[in-house]
Amino acid sequence: MPYKERTTMEQKVEFICEWRTQKYSITELCKAFKISHHTSYKFIPRFEKERIKGLKE
């Protein structure tokens, strides 16, 4: 069975969900999602201010 490809938006939402659990550090999440710290620190404030709408391109 092939893996389901996820959209960029699905990946952003998953990143935020994992971050909100506080189980993982930003460094661990960045490594797992293959994004830079700079990118993660861009997503988080956008999400906190505008929720899911803030993650859209």
N, C-alpha and C. Protein backbone atom coordinates (compact mmCIF):
# COMPACT_ATOMS: atom_id res chain seq x y z
N MET A 1 0.84 -1.17 0.00
CA MET A 1 0.00 0.00 0.00
C MET A 1 0.89 1.24 0.00
N PRO A 2 0.71 2.14 -0.94
CA PRO A 2 1.58 3.33 -1.01
C PRO A 2 1.28 4.32 0.11
N TYR A 3 2.29 5.09 0.44
CA TYR A 3 2.11 6.13 1.44
C TYR A 3 1.23 7.23 0.88
N LYS A 4 0.41 7.79 1.74
CA LYS A 4 -0.43 8.93 1.33
C LYS A 4 0.45 10.17 1.34
N GLU A 5 0.45 10.87 0.22
CA GLU A 5 1.20 12.12 0.17
C GLU A 5 0.40 13.20 0.89
N ARG A 6 1.11 14.00 1.68
CA ARG A 6 0.44 15.07 2.43
C ARG A 6 0.73 16.41 1.76
N THR A 7 -0.26 17.27 1.81
CA THR A 7 -0.07 18.61 1.27
C THR A 7 0.80 19.42 2.23
N THR A 8 1.29 20.53 1.75
CA THR A 8 2.08 21.42 2.61
C THR A 8 1.24 21.89 3.79
N MET A 9 -0.01 22.20 3.54
CA MET A 9 -0.89 22.67 4.62
C MET A 9 -1.08 21.58 5.67
N GLU A 10 -1.27 20.34 5.24
CA GLU A 10 -1.42 19.23 6.19
C GLU A 10 -0.16 19.08 7.05
N GLN A 11 0.99 19.26 6.43
CA GLN A 11 2.25 19.16 7.17
C GLN A 11 2.38 20.30 8.18
N LYS A 12 1.98 21.49 7.79
CA LYS A 12 2.04 22.63 8.72
C LYS A 12 1.12 22.40 9.92
N VAL A 13 -0.08 21.92 9.65
CA VAL A 13 -1.04 21.65 10.73
C VAL A 13 -0.49 20.56 11.65
N GLU A 14 0.09 19.52 11.07
CA GLU A 14 0.67 18.45 11.88
C GLU A 14 1.83 18.98 12.74
N PHE A 15 2.66 19.83 12.15
CA PHE A 15 3.76 20.44 12.89
C PHE A 15 3.23 21.20 14.11
N ILE A 16 2.21 22.03 13.89
CA ILE A 16 1.63 22.82 14.97
C ILE A 16 1.01 21.91 16.03
N CYS A 17 0.31 20.87 15.60
CA CYS A 17 -0.30 19.94 16.56
C CYS A 17 0.77 19.29 17.43
N GLU A 18 1.86 18.86 16.82
CA GLU A 18 2.95 18.25 17.59
C GLU A 18 3.60 19.27 18.52
N TRP A 19 3.78 20.49 18.03
CA TRP A 19 4.37 21.54 18.87
C TRP A 19 3.50 21.83 20.08
N ARG A 20 2.19 21.84 19.89
CA ARG A 20 1.26 22.15 20.99
C ARG A 20 1.25 21.06 22.07
N THR A 21 1.64 19.84 21.73
CA THR A 21 1.68 18.77 22.74
C THR A 21 2.79 19.01 23.76
N GLN A 22 3.78 19.80 23.38
CA GLN A 22 4.96 20.09 24.20
C GLN A 22 5.77 18.83 24.53
N LYS A 23 5.64 17.81 23.71
CA LYS A 23 6.41 16.57 23.90
C LYS A 23 7.79 16.67 23.25
N TYR A 24 7.91 17.57 22.27
CA TYR A 24 9.13 17.65 21.48
C TYR A 24 9.66 19.07 21.47
N SER A 25 10.96 19.20 21.37
CA SER A 25 11.57 20.52 21.25
C SER A 25 11.40 21.01 19.81
N ILE A 26 11.59 22.29 19.63
CA ILE A 26 11.54 22.86 18.28
C ILE A 26 12.60 22.19 17.40
N THR A 27 13.77 21.95 17.96
CA THR A 27 14.85 21.31 17.20
C THR A 27 14.42 19.93 16.72
N GLU A 28 13.80 19.14 17.60
CA GLU A 28 13.33 17.81 17.21
C GLU A 28 12.27 17.88 16.12
N LEU A 29 11.35 18.81 16.28
CA LEU A 29 10.29 18.96 15.28
C LEU A 29 10.84 19.42 13.94
N CYS A 30 11.76 20.36 13.97
CA CYS A 30 12.36 20.84 12.72
C CYS A 30 13.08 19.71 11.99
N LYS A 31 13.77 18.89 12.74
CA LYS A 31 14.47 17.76 12.14
C LYS A 31 13.47 16.76 11.55
N ALA A 32 12.42 16.46 12.28
CA ALA A 32 11.42 15.49 11.83
C ALA A 32 10.66 15.99 10.60
N PHE A 33 10.35 17.29 10.57
CA PHE A 33 9.58 17.85 9.46
C PHE A 33 10.47 18.42 8.35
N LYS A 34 11.78 18.34 8.58
CA LYS A 34 12.76 18.82 7.60
C LYS A 34 12.53 20.28 7.23
N ILE A 35 12.39 21.11 8.27
CA ILE A 35 12.26 22.56 8.08
C ILE A 35 13.30 23.26 8.95
N SER A 36 13.58 24.50 8.62
CA SER A 36 14.55 25.26 9.41
C SER A 36 13.89 25.85 10.66
N HIS A 37 14.73 26.24 11.61
CA HIS A 37 14.22 26.92 12.80
C HIS A 37 13.51 28.21 12.39
N HIS A 38 14.10 28.91 11.44
CA HIS A 38 13.52 30.16 10.95
C HIS A 38 12.08 29.94 10.49
N THR A 39 11.87 28.89 9.74
CA THR A 39 10.53 28.58 9.23
C THR A 39 9.58 28.25 10.38
N SER A 40 10.04 27.47 11.33
CA SER A 40 9.17 27.10 12.45
C SER A 40 8.78 28.33 13.27
N TYR A 41 9.72 29.24 13.45
CA TYR A 41 9.42 30.44 14.23
C TYR A 41 8.57 31.44 13.42
N LYS A 42 8.38 31.17 12.15
CA LYS A 42 7.46 31.96 11.33
C LYS A 42 6.04 31.38 11.47
N PHE A 43 5.93 30.04 11.46
CA PHE A 43 4.63 29.37 11.57
C PHE A 43 3.95 29.62 12.91
N ILE A 44 4.69 29.49 13.98
CA ILE A 44 4.10 29.51 15.33
C ILE A 44 3.38 30.83 15.63
N PRO A 45 4.02 31.98 15.45
CA PRO A 45 3.29 33.24 15.73
C PRO A 45 2.09 33.45 14.81
N ARG A 46 2.23 33.03 13.55
CA ARG A 46 1.10 33.15 12.63
C ARG A 46 -0.08 32.31 13.13
N PHE A 47 0.23 31.09 13.58
CA PHE A 47 -0.83 30.23 14.08
C PHE A 47 -1.46 30.82 15.34
N GLU A 48 -0.63 31.31 16.25
CA GLU A 48 -1.16 31.87 17.49
C GLU A 48 -2.04 33.10 17.24
N LYS A 49 -1.72 33.87 16.22
CA LYS A 49 -2.48 35.08 15.93
C LYS A 49 -3.76 34.78 15.13
N GLU A 50 -3.64 33.93 14.10
CA GLU A 50 -4.76 33.73 13.18
C GLU A 50 -5.26 32.29 13.09
N ARG A 51 -4.72 31.41 13.93
CA ARG A 51 -5.07 29.99 13.88
C ARG A 51 -4.75 29.40 12.50
N ILE A 52 -5.53 28.45 12.04
CA ILE A 52 -5.23 27.75 10.79
C ILE A 52 -5.09 28.72 9.62
N LYS A 53 -5.90 29.75 9.60
CA LYS A 53 -5.86 30.74 8.53
C LYS A 53 -4.45 31.35 8.39
N GLY A 54 -3.73 31.48 9.48
CA GLY A 54 -2.40 32.05 9.46
C GLY A 54 -1.35 31.16 8.83
N LEU A 55 -1.66 29.90 8.63
CA LEU A 55 -0.70 28.97 8.03
C LEU A 55 -0.81 28.91 6.51
N LYS A 56 -1.85 29.51 5.97
CA LYS A 56 -2.02 29.49 4.51
C LYS A 56 -0.95 30.34 3.86
N GLU A 57 -0.58 29.98 2.65
CA GLU A 57 0.42 30.72 1.88
C GLU A 57 -0.04 32.13 1.59
